[in-house]
Protein backbone atom coordinates (compact mmCIF):
# COMPACT_ATOMS: atom_id res chain seq x y z
CA MET A 1 -9.82 -64.40 -9.35
CA ILE A 2 -7.29 -62.12 -10.97
CA ARG A 3 -3.81 -63.38 -10.42
CA THR A 4 -1.63 -60.86 -8.59
CA ARG A 5 1.95 -60.45 -9.77
CA TRP A 6 4.81 -58.43 -8.39
CA SER A 7 8.11 -57.35 -9.83
CA ARG A 8 11.19 -55.42 -8.88
CA ARG A 9 11.07 -51.67 -9.20
CA VAL A 10 13.20 -50.36 -12.01
CA VAL A 11 16.09 -48.49 -10.46
CA ALA A 12 18.76 -46.24 -11.85
CA ALA A 13 21.64 -48.19 -13.35
CA ALA A 14 24.81 -48.26 -11.31
CA ALA A 15 28.27 -47.90 -12.69
CA ALA A 16 28.69 -50.85 -15.02
CA MET A 17 31.64 -53.19 -14.82
CA LEU A 18 31.10 -54.75 -18.23
CA THR A 19 33.92 -56.43 -20.06
CA VAL A 20 34.89 -54.32 -23.05
CA SER A 21 35.78 -57.39 -25.10
CA ALA A 22 33.15 -59.94 -26.02
CA LEU A 23 35.55 -62.60 -24.78
CA SER A 24 35.24 -64.04 -21.34
CA ALA A 25 36.16 -67.12 -19.47
CA CYS A 26 37.03 -68.65 -16.25
CA SER A 27 38.58 -71.60 -14.70
CA ALA A 28 40.97 -72.45 -11.99
CA ALA A 29 42.66 -75.20 -10.16
CA ASN A 30 42.66 -76.08 -6.49
CA SER A 31 45.90 -74.93 -5.00
CA THR A 32 45.93 -77.00 -1.78
CA GLN A 33 44.56 -80.19 -0.33
CA ASN A 34 42.51 -78.50 2.39
CA THR A 35 38.95 -79.79 2.61
CA MET A 36 35.63 -78.06 3.13
CA ASP A 37 33.95 -78.13 6.49
CA PRO A 38 30.86 -80.29 5.82
CA GLY A 39 28.77 -78.04 8.03
CA ASN A 40 29.88 -74.91 6.20
CA PRO A 41 30.59 -75.15 2.47
CA TRP A 42 32.50 -71.86 2.45
CA GLN A 43 34.69 -72.69 5.45
CA ILE A 44 37.89 -74.62 4.85
CA ALA A 45 38.68 -77.24 7.44
CA GLY A 46 42.00 -76.52 9.12
CA ALA A 47 42.18 -72.92 7.88
CA THR A 48 41.66 -70.09 10.38
CA THR A 49 39.58 -67.88 8.11
CA SER A 50 36.31 -67.12 9.90
CA THR A 51 37.45 -64.46 12.36
CA GLY A 52 40.92 -63.52 11.16
CA PRO A 53 41.92 -60.39 9.26
CA SER A 54 40.66 -59.63 5.79
CA GLY A 55 42.37 -57.37 3.27
CA PRO A 56 45.99 -56.45 2.50
CA ARG A 57 48.63 -58.15 4.62
CA GLU A 58 50.66 -55.79 6.78
CA GLY A 59 54.38 -55.55 6.21
CA VAL A 60 54.44 -57.22 2.80
CA PRO A 61 56.31 -55.20 0.14
CA ASP A 62 54.29 -54.03 -2.85
CA THR A 63 54.76 -55.84 -6.14
CA ASP A 64 57.04 -54.38 -8.77
CA ARG A 65 54.35 -55.06 -11.41
CA GLY A 66 53.54 -51.80 -13.15
CA ALA A 67 50.63 -50.25 -15.03
CA GLU A 68 50.60 -47.64 -17.73
CA ASN A 69 49.34 -44.20 -16.68
CA SER A 70 49.53 -45.15 -12.99
CA ASP A 71 49.70 -42.38 -10.42
CA GLY A 72 51.48 -44.68 -7.96
CA GLY A 73 48.75 -44.07 -5.41
CA GLU A 74 46.91 -46.30 -2.96
CA MET A 75 44.29 -47.59 -5.42
CA ASP A 76 46.85 -48.56 -8.04
CA ARG A 77 49.03 -50.28 -5.45
CA LEU A 78 46.00 -52.26 -4.29
CA ALA A 79 45.10 -53.24 -7.85
CA LEU A 80 48.66 -54.15 -8.84
CA ASN A 81 49.17 -56.29 -5.76
CA ALA A 82 45.92 -58.08 -6.58
CA VAL A 83 47.02 -58.71 -10.16
CA ALA A 84 50.41 -59.94 -8.98
CA ASP A 85 48.82 -62.49 -6.64
CA ILE A 86 46.34 -63.60 -9.30
CA GLU A 87 49.17 -64.13 -11.79
CA GLU A 88 51.26 -65.99 -9.22
CA PHE A 89 48.31 -68.29 -8.53
CA TRP A 90 47.74 -69.04 -12.21
CA SER A 91 51.40 -69.54 -12.99
CA GLU A 92 51.41 -72.32 -10.40
CA ASN A 93 48.03 -73.88 -11.20
CA TYR A 94 47.01 -73.23 -14.80
CA SER A 95 48.65 -76.27 -16.38
CA ALA A 96 47.07 -78.63 -13.86
CA THR A 97 43.73 -78.05 -15.56
CA PHE A 98 44.25 -76.39 -18.95
CA PRO A 99 46.41 -77.09 -21.98
CA GLY A 100 49.67 -75.23 -22.41
CA GLU A 101 51.34 -72.77 -20.08
CA PHE A 102 49.92 -69.74 -18.34
CA ARG A 103 50.52 -66.51 -20.23
CA PRO A 104 50.11 -63.23 -18.36
CA VAL A 105 48.19 -60.38 -19.96
CA GLN A 106 50.27 -58.12 -22.17
CA LYS A 107 49.58 -54.86 -20.38
CA LEU A 108 47.89 -53.21 -17.41
CA ILE A 109 46.50 -49.68 -17.57
CA SER A 110 45.06 -47.36 -14.93
CA TRP A 111 43.02 -44.20 -15.41
CA ASP A 112 41.03 -41.62 -13.49
CA ALA A 113 37.47 -41.31 -14.79
CA THR A 114 37.29 -37.78 -13.39
CA ALA A 115 40.22 -36.54 -15.50
CA ALA A 116 39.57 -33.91 -18.15
CA GLU A 117 38.89 -35.34 -21.57
CA LYS A 118 42.10 -33.88 -22.97
CA ASP A 119 44.08 -35.65 -20.24
CA SER A 120 42.34 -39.04 -20.57
CA VAL A 121 44.09 -42.05 -22.05
CA GLU A 122 42.47 -44.64 -24.30
CA PHE A 123 41.57 -48.16 -23.25
CA CYS A 124 40.47 -50.71 -25.81
CA THR A 125 40.13 -47.96 -28.47
CA VAL A 126 37.81 -45.78 -26.33
CA SER A 127 38.47 -42.72 -24.20
CA THR A 128 38.57 -43.28 -20.46
CA HIS A 129 37.00 -39.88 -19.82
CA GLU A 130 34.13 -40.61 -17.39
CA LEU A 131 34.67 -44.37 -17.91
CA VAL A 132 33.83 -45.85 -14.50
CA ASN A 133 34.86 -49.38 -15.25
CA ALA A 134 37.25 -52.29 -14.81
CA ALA A 135 37.64 -54.59 -17.77
CA TYR A 136 39.64 -56.99 -19.90
CA CYS A 137 40.22 -55.95 -23.51
CA GLY A 138 40.75 -58.86 -25.87
CA LEU A 139 41.97 -56.63 -28.68
CA ASP A 140 45.37 -56.14 -27.05
CA GLU A 141 45.14 -58.50 -24.06
CA THR A 142 44.98 -55.65 -21.54
CA ILE A 143 43.33 -55.29 -18.14
CA GLY A 144 42.42 -51.77 -17.04
CA TRP A 145 40.66 -50.06 -14.16
CA ASP A 146 39.39 -46.70 -13.01
CA ARG A 147 41.33 -45.62 -9.96
CA GLY A 148 39.43 -42.35 -9.58
CA VAL A 149 35.83 -43.47 -8.98
CA LEU A 150 35.26 -47.22 -9.24
CA LEU A 151 38.01 -48.63 -7.04
CA PRO A 152 37.57 -46.10 -4.20
CA GLU A 153 33.81 -46.69 -4.26
CA LEU A 154 34.28 -50.45 -4.07
CA VAL A 155 36.63 -50.05 -1.11
CA ARG A 156 34.31 -47.58 0.62
CA GLN A 157 31.25 -49.79 0.38
CA PHE A 158 32.61 -53.32 0.41
CA GLY A 159 36.26 -53.27 1.50
CA GLU A 160 39.56 -53.80 -0.28
CA MET A 161 38.84 -57.44 -1.09
CA ALA A 162 36.06 -56.29 -3.43
CA VAL A 163 38.76 -54.83 -5.69
CA VAL A 164 40.58 -58.17 -5.60
CA MET A 165 37.33 -59.92 -6.57
CA VAL A 166 36.74 -57.58 -9.52
CA LEU A 167 40.26 -58.04 -10.88
CA ALA A 168 40.14 -61.81 -10.39
CA HIS A 169 36.94 -61.77 -12.45
CA GLU A 170 38.54 -59.68 -15.20
CA TYR A 171 41.60 -61.91 -15.28
CA GLY A 172 39.27 -64.84 -15.81
CA HIS A 173 38.25 -63.30 -19.12
CA ALA A 174 41.91 -63.26 -20.18
CA LEU A 175 42.16 -67.01 -19.59
CA GLN A 176 39.02 -68.34 -21.26
CA ILE A 177 40.04 -68.66 -24.88
CA PRO A 178 43.60 -69.95 -24.21
CA ALA A 179 42.08 -72.44 -21.76
CA GLY A 180 39.63 -73.66 -24.41
CA ILE A 181 36.50 -73.16 -22.33
CA ALA A 182 35.09 -70.31 -24.42
CA THR A 183 35.29 -68.86 -27.90
CA GLU A 184 34.67 -65.44 -29.40
CA ASP A 185 31.11 -66.62 -30.12
CA SER A 186 30.33 -67.82 -26.59
CA PRO A 187 27.26 -66.10 -25.06
CA GLY A 188 28.11 -63.23 -22.75
CA LEU A 189 26.06 -64.67 -19.89
CA VAL A 190 28.12 -67.86 -20.02
CA THR A 191 31.50 -66.15 -20.11
CA GLU A 192 30.59 -63.71 -17.35
CA GLN A 193 29.49 -66.47 -15.00
CA GLN A 194 32.59 -68.47 -15.87
CA ALA A 195 34.62 -65.43 -14.81
CA ASP A 196 32.67 -65.21 -11.55
CA CYS A 197 33.43 -68.87 -11.00
CA LEU A 198 37.13 -68.32 -11.63
CA ALA A 199 37.15 -65.46 -9.16
CA GLY A 200 35.62 -67.85 -6.63
CA VAL A 201 38.49 -70.31 -7.11
CA PHE A 202 41.06 -67.59 -6.50
CA LEU A 203 39.13 -66.40 -3.43
CA ARG A 204 39.47 -69.87 -1.95
CA HIS A 205 43.23 -69.64 -2.54
CA VAL A 206 43.24 -66.37 -0.57
CA ALA A 207 41.00 -67.76 2.19
CA GLU A 208 43.37 -70.71 2.59
CA GLY A 209 46.10 -68.24 3.47
CA ASP A 210 48.18 -68.78 0.34
CA SER A 211 48.00 -65.31 -1.21
CA ARG A 212 51.15 -63.22 -0.87
CA HIS A 213 49.49 -59.83 -0.37
CA PHE A 214 45.97 -60.59 0.90
CA THR A 215 43.95 -62.47 3.49
CA LEU A 216 40.21 -63.21 3.48
CA ASN A 217 38.06 -64.25 6.40
CA THR A 218 34.73 -65.91 5.77
CA SER A 219 32.64 -63.49 7.81
CA ASP A 220 32.82 -59.78 7.08
CA GLY A 221 35.51 -60.28 4.43
CA LEU A 222 33.48 -62.64 2.28
CA ASN A 223 30.29 -60.69 3.04
CA GLY A 224 31.89 -57.64 1.42
CA VAL A 225 32.98 -59.59 -1.64
CA LEU A 226 29.48 -60.98 -2.14
CA GLY A 227 28.02 -57.52 -1.57
CA ALA A 228 30.09 -56.25 -4.48
CA THR A 229 28.85 -59.18 -6.57
CA VAL A 230 25.25 -58.23 -5.80
CA ALA A 231 25.95 -54.59 -6.66
CA VAL A 232 27.18 -55.49 -10.14
CA ARG A 233 24.17 -57.50 -11.20
CA ASP A 234 21.90 -57.25 -14.23
CA ARG A 235 19.22 -54.83 -13.04
CA ASP A 236 16.86 -55.03 -16.04
CA PRO A 237 16.51 -58.68 -17.07
CA ASN A 238 14.87 -57.70 -20.37
CA ASP A 239 17.86 -55.64 -21.52
CA PRO A 240 19.71 -57.68 -24.18
CA ASP A 241 22.96 -55.95 -23.20
CA ASN A 242 22.84 -57.49 -19.72
CA VAL A 243 25.30 -60.36 -19.53
CA HIS A 244 26.43 -60.72 -15.92
CA GLY A 245 23.34 -62.49 -14.59
CA THR A 246 21.19 -61.81 -11.55
CA ALA A 247 22.63 -61.44 -8.07
CA PHE A 248 21.31 -64.93 -7.27
CA GLU A 249 23.10 -66.40 -10.30
CA ARG A 250 26.35 -64.51 -9.71
CA VAL A 251 26.62 -65.58 -6.08
CA THR A 252 25.97 -69.16 -7.16
CA ALA A 253 28.71 -68.99 -9.81
CA VAL A 254 31.22 -67.63 -7.27
CA GLN A 255 30.37 -70.48 -4.92
CA LEU A 256 30.79 -73.08 -7.67
CA GLY A 257 34.37 -71.97 -8.19
CA TYR A 258 35.11 -71.58 -4.50
CA MET A 259 33.85 -75.06 -3.67
CA ASP A 260 34.52 -77.13 -6.79
CA GLY A 261 37.40 -75.47 -8.61
CA ALA A 262 38.25 -75.38 -12.29
CA GLY A 263 36.07 -78.24 -13.42
CA ALA A 264 32.93 -76.45 -12.28
CA CYS A 265 33.95 -73.27 -14.10
CA ALA A 266 34.66 -75.10 -17.36
CA GLY A 267 31.29 -76.81 -17.01
CA ILE A 268 29.32 -73.57 -17.10
CA ASP A 269 27.48 -73.30 -20.40
CA GLU A 270 24.01 -72.31 -21.55
CA GLN A 271 22.50 -75.64 -20.52
CA GLU A 272 24.11 -75.55 -17.08
CA ILE A 273 22.77 -72.05 -16.45
CA GLU A 274 19.32 -73.09 -17.65
CA ASN A 275 19.39 -76.08 -15.31
CA ARG A 276 20.29 -73.81 -12.39
CA ARG A 277 17.43 -71.49 -13.21
CA SER A 278 15.03 -74.43 -12.81
CA GLY A 279 12.06 -72.53 -14.18
CA LEU A 280 12.68 -69.45 -12.01
CA PRO A 281 11.56 -66.19 -13.66
CA VAL A 282 14.38 -64.44 -15.51
CA THR A 283 12.51 -61.88 -17.65
CA PHE A 284 9.59 -59.58 -17.01
CA GLU A 285 6.21 -60.20 -18.59
CA PRO A 286 4.78 -57.12 -20.34
CA GLY A 287 4.24 -54.34 -17.83
CA GLU A 288 5.63 -56.24 -14.84
CA GLU A 289 8.75 -54.11 -14.59
CA TYR A 290 6.58 -51.17 -13.54
CA MET A 291 4.51 -53.06 -10.96
CA GLN A 292 4.90 -53.61 -7.25
CA LEU A 293 2.55 -55.58 -5.05
CA GLU A 294 1.82 -53.16 -2.24
CA ILE A 295 2.39 -54.44 1.29
CA THR A 296 -1.11 -54.27 2.79
CA GLU A 297 -3.27 -56.45 4.98
CA ASP A 298 -5.02 -57.73 1.85
CA SER A 299 -1.82 -58.71 0.05
CA LEU A 300 -0.47 -60.36 3.19
CA GLN A 301 -3.70 -62.37 3.48
CA ASP A 302 -3.21 -63.51 -0.12
CA MET A 303 0.32 -64.52 0.72
CA ALA A 304 -0.85 -66.37 3.84
CA ALA A 305 -3.28 -68.37 1.72
CA ALA A 306 -0.49 -69.28 -0.69
CA LEU A 307 1.76 -70.33 2.21
CA GLY A 308 -0.93 -72.70 3.43
CA ASP A 309 -0.80 -74.46 0.07
CA VAL A 310 3.01 -74.66 -0.13
CA LEU A 311 3.75 -75.59 3.50
CA PRO A 312 0.43 -76.72 4.97
CA VAL A 313 -0.12 -76.78 8.73
CA VAL A 314 -2.93 -78.35 10.74
CA GLY A 315 -5.74 -75.99 11.63
CA SER A 316 -6.06 -72.33 10.76
CA PRO A 317 -3.03 -70.18 11.58
CA GLN A 318 -3.83 -66.91 13.33
CA TYR A 319 -2.65 -63.63 11.83
CA GLU A 320 -2.72 -60.16 13.33
CA TYR A 321 -1.94 -57.03 11.33
CA GLU A 322 -1.73 -54.32 13.97
CA GLY A 323 1.77 -55.03 15.20
CA VAL A 324 3.96 -57.85 16.47
CA PRO A 325 2.69 -60.03 19.34
CA THR A 326 3.33 -58.59 22.78
CA GLY A 327 3.84 -60.56 25.95
CA CYS A 328 4.89 -63.73 24.12
CA ALA A 329 5.85 -66.21 26.82
CA ASP A 330 8.40 -68.21 24.83
CA ALA A 331 9.95 -65.86 22.26
CA THR A 332 11.31 -62.36 21.81
CA PRO A 333 9.26 -60.58 19.12
CA THR A 334 11.08 -59.62 15.93
CA GLU A 335 10.15 -56.42 14.13
CA PRO A 336 8.31 -55.93 11.84
CA VAL A 337 6.93 -59.51 11.78
CA ALA A 338 7.02 -62.01 14.62
CA TYR A 339 5.79 -65.52 15.39
CA CYS A 340 4.76 -66.42 18.93
CA PRO A 341 4.82 -70.22 19.46
CA ALA A 342 2.86 -70.00 22.73
CA THR A 343 -0.18 -68.46 21.05
CA GLU A 344 0.41 -69.68 17.47
CA VAL A 345 0.05 -66.11 16.21
CA ILE A 346 1.96 -64.33 13.46
CA GLY A 347 1.75 -60.59 14.06
CA THR A 348 2.78 -57.95 11.55
CA ASP A 349 3.46 -54.24 11.70
CA VAL A 350 2.21 -53.66 8.16
CA ASP A 351 3.72 -50.19 7.80
CA GLY A 352 7.03 -51.37 9.18
CA LEU A 353 7.11 -54.30 6.78
CA ALA A 354 6.17 -52.05 3.86
CA ALA A 355 9.19 -49.88 4.64
CA ARG A 356 11.46 -52.77 3.59
CA ALA A 357 10.06 -52.52 0.09
CA GLY A 358 10.42 -48.73 -0.07
CA GLU A 359 13.00 -46.63 -1.85
CA GLN A 360 16.40 -47.47 -0.41
CA GLU A 361 18.84 -46.68 -3.21
CA SER A 362 20.23 -43.23 -3.77
CA ALA A 363 21.39 -41.54 -6.92
CA ASP A 364 24.54 -40.70 -4.98
CA GLU A 365 25.37 -44.41 -4.65
CA PRO A 366 26.93 -45.57 -7.93
CA LEU A 367 27.12 -49.10 -6.56
CA SER A 368 24.57 -50.57 -4.19
CA ALA A 369 24.00 -54.05 -2.82
CA ILE A 370 20.51 -52.96 -1.72
CA VAL A 371 17.80 -54.16 -4.10
CA THR A 372 14.53 -52.37 -3.53
CA GLY A 373 11.19 -54.09 -3.98
CA ASP A 374 8.29 -55.87 -2.44
CA TYR A 375 9.80 -59.32 -2.13
CA ASN A 376 12.44 -58.01 0.26
CA ALA A 377 9.46 -57.51 2.58
CA PHE A 378 7.34 -60.53 1.70
CA VAL A 379 10.21 -62.98 2.25
CA VAL A 380 10.41 -61.86 5.91
CA PHE A 381 6.68 -62.56 6.34
CA ILE A 382 7.25 -65.95 4.69
CA SER A 383 10.09 -66.71 7.09
CA ARG A 384 7.89 -66.21 10.16
CA TYR A 385 5.34 -68.62 8.70
CA ALA A 386 8.22 -71.05 8.13
CA LEU A 387 8.83 -70.96 11.90
CA MET A 388 5.21 -71.92 12.53
CA TYR A 389 5.62 -74.79 10.06
CA GLN A 390 8.75 -75.98 11.88
CA ASN A 391 7.02 -75.77 15.24
CA GLU A 392 4.31 -78.11 14.03
CA LYS A 393 7.04 -80.56 13.02
CA GLN A 394 8.44 -80.23 16.57
CA LEU A 395 11.71 -78.79 15.34
CA THR A 396 13.73 -76.40 17.45
CA LEU A 397 12.96 -72.74 16.81
CA THR A 398 16.05 -71.31 18.49
CA GLY A 399 19.61 -71.23 17.26
CA ALA A 400 20.82 -68.99 14.45
CA ASP A 401 22.86 -71.73 12.80
CA SER A 402 20.08 -74.31 12.97
CA ALA A 403 16.56 -72.88 13.18
CA GLY A 404 17.60 -69.59 11.55
CA LEU A 405 19.24 -71.17 8.51
CA ARG A 406 16.46 -73.76 8.24
CA THR A 407 14.00 -70.88 8.15
CA ALA A 408 15.90 -69.20 5.28
CA CYS A 409 16.01 -72.51 3.47
CA LEU A 410 12.26 -73.03 3.77
CA ALA A 411 11.73 -69.45 2.57
CA GLY A 412 13.66 -70.55 -0.51
CA VAL A 413 11.32 -73.50 -0.95
CA VAL A 414 8.34 -71.14 -0.90
CA THR A 415 10.10 -68.81 -3.33
CA THR A 416 10.38 -71.57 -5.91
CA ALA A 417 6.74 -72.52 -5.43
CA LEU A 418 5.68 -68.91 -5.94
CA SER A 419 7.46 -68.85 -9.31
CA ARG A 420 5.14 -71.46 -10.80
CA GLU A 421 2.74 -70.31 -13.49
CA ASN A 422 -0.43 -70.94 -11.49
CA SER A 423 0.81 -69.34 -8.28
CA ASN A 424 -1.09 -66.40 -6.82
CA PRO A 425 0.79 -64.26 -5.92
CA ARG A 426 3.51 -65.15 -8.42
CA LEU A 427 7.16 -64.18 -8.55
CA SER A 428 8.59 -62.20 -11.43
CA ALA A 429 12.14 -61.42 -12.50
CA GLY A 430 14.10 -59.53 -9.86
CA ASP A 431 12.33 -60.91 -6.80
CA LEU A 432 15.11 -63.37 -6.06
CA ASP A 433 17.59 -60.50 -5.99
CA GLU A 434 15.42 -58.63 -3.53
CA ALA A 435 15.54 -61.64 -1.22
CA VAL A 436 19.31 -62.04 -1.71
CA SER A 437 19.82 -58.37 -0.85
CA GLY A 438 17.88 -58.65 2.41
CA LEU A 439 19.60 -61.87 3.39
CA LEU A 440 23.03 -60.37 2.82
CA SER A 441 22.26 -57.07 4.57
CA ASP A 442 20.34 -57.76 7.80
CA GLY A 443 19.39 -61.42 7.35
CA LEU A 444 16.03 -61.06 9.08
CA ALA A 445 14.54 -63.77 6.85
CA ALA A 446 17.24 -66.09 8.19
CA SER A 447 16.65 -65.39 11.87
CA ASP A 448 15.38 -67.78 14.50
CA VAL A 449 12.24 -67.14 16.53
CA ASN A 450 14.12 -64.64 18.71
CA GLY A 451 15.66 -62.77 15.80
CA GLU A 452 19.14 -64.30 16.17
CA VAL A 453 21.09 -64.37 12.89
CA VAL A 454 24.41 -65.96 11.91
CA PRO A 455 26.91 -63.19 11.13
CA GLU A 456 28.10 -64.78 7.89
CA GLY A 457 25.90 -63.47 5.10
CA TYR A 458 27.11 -66.16 2.70
CA LEU A 459 25.70 -68.86 5.02
CA ARG A 460 22.31 -67.16 4.93
CA LEU A 461 22.48 -66.99 1.13
CA GLU A 462 23.55 -70.62 0.85
CA ALA A 463 20.62 -71.77 3.01
CA PHE A 464 18.17 -69.82 0.87
CA ARG A 465 19.76 -71.14 -2.33
CA LEU A 466 19.51 -74.72 -1.05
CA GLY A 467 15.77 -74.33 -0.54
CA VAL A 468 15.26 -72.66 -3.92
CA LEU A 469 17.12 -75.33 -5.87
CA ASP A 470 16.79 -78.53 -3.81
CA GLY A 471 13.51 -78.31 -1.92
CA GLU A 472 12.10 -78.93 1.53
CA GLN A 473 13.71 -82.27 2.29
CA ALA A 474 17.16 -80.78 1.70
CA CYS A 475 16.38 -78.08 4.27
CA LEU A 476 15.25 -80.57 6.89
CA THR A 477 18.25 -82.80 6.31
CA GLU A 478 20.90 -80.08 6.20
CA TYR A 479 19.71 -78.11 9.23
CA GLU A 480 18.69 -80.72 11.75
């Protein structure tokens, strides 16, 4: 039998936020003694961060920190306040982890990418005309940003805290070489994920309520930050110029810093990244980048057969492909795929499911957290099978924070199994990002049997990540 493969559709590149310098680094220290809630690794025990405000604090005076070429407008004030808080954090915490004293960057510069070429300033020896970017330049120890296109777009799509995240990442690059965790020869992938990690440490500082100008809740606030992280991912894994990592890897790096602090960031190197990848596909095989596995009854039957091998159930599961089950006595059907425990049937609206894999990005969206592709659809089908598997184990199928997250976790288990060489169908590079995108947007693959979903996208991502990296037993233990 010919092995079927799928891969992510090649999409137009978004505005890149690549570091102009080859240098990058990250690290940070814990600023307080607050502890993590064991039931929620992103939630800090004793800190009211889940439902509170997120963004700039009201009534707090702007910093007097300045930037060259600033227009004094809203975007520059947002960026400068972010830099001021980042520098205040590092001035208080740098020496607890790294040798020497914290040294702020030499200069900040702002530009408008829409300005005429004759009116554009230079940043890191290049013109900022049409430069939609935020970056650290190691040549003169400068951090710069585009206030005309990039920052407003980040705010529009993901909220003001996305700008804070981007600048915390760029400031991480300024710290790496002085901190001794990177050199000029360090691989770009390593330094970029170190910077993501550092940003995660600073985000925890903000979530704990210790940032002068900003607050961050762990629901819509953190969802927006992670959405921005997904948007600035490596979209073509075979491109040697890609150094940020996949959305799955970037979210993981942010969490490492948020949860574990500076030590985790300093520990990111090529081997650590390879260990995290655990054999997951990171590059396309020849021709895969142009392929998609069409969502049809035949391909879903192939997937159902694979599911029976990964998570076997007693008997022969029943599948219907003409719509979701109607009249289910013990569950509310979820579109476009539903599992009915009373009848042990998984019903699929094939056209509706196929729509999830369709074209969703627009050329008018320079940044998008939506990753198009077939696995965004298949992972929802997988999740409904995961409910059937749980039912056989006599586990509860209701409850967004129990059954829903357990379902996402088991979908992660299947995802890892589908990446193995002899799997049919088999994952290719980009499929993980498609799943991450769906989990962060509507979370259907993390819903319980009635379609209930936890509002915190990061919890859905963490459950999926747990299944991908740690396996079935971890899912059953974590989400009892």
